[in-house]
Amino acid sequence: AQPSEDGGASGAGSDEDSVADDASSSTLREPTPRRNGSPRLSPTVDESEEFEKAIARKRQIRKAVELFNKKAKLGIDYLVNEAKLVEGTAKDIAAWLRKTPGLDTTQIGEYIAVRNDFNQEVTYAY
């Protein structure tokens, strides 16, 4: 290495080079640690199972909406008896009708307009 004008060595291995190397290596980020301190590298089995359950639930909801929009009673029967997404109470069905996006409002009206005791309860709960 050749001495520089200020008396220090220039070239490879100087203090300036090592500082630059340290600065560039600090831009690489470590995995964010979880609350228990270990890095999160892949989902756990529980997280994978929860994800699969959520996907299955969304499919069931989508199917219930499709059936409901074709014929309201079919959608409600699937929702309560097959998918078991809600209890068969008037309050639960009314809440599903109110909160579920994508339901045909004409079908909702036809369902709650049916003259029987249960549908009247759904109408009052709606």
Foldseek 3Di string as FASTA:
>chain_A
DDQDPVGHDDDPPDPVVVVVVVVVVVVDDDADADPVGHHCDDDDPVVVVVVVVVVVLVVLLVVLQVLLQVANVRSLCCCCPPSNVFDPALLGVLVCVVPPPNHDVVSVVVQLPDPDDRSVSNVVND
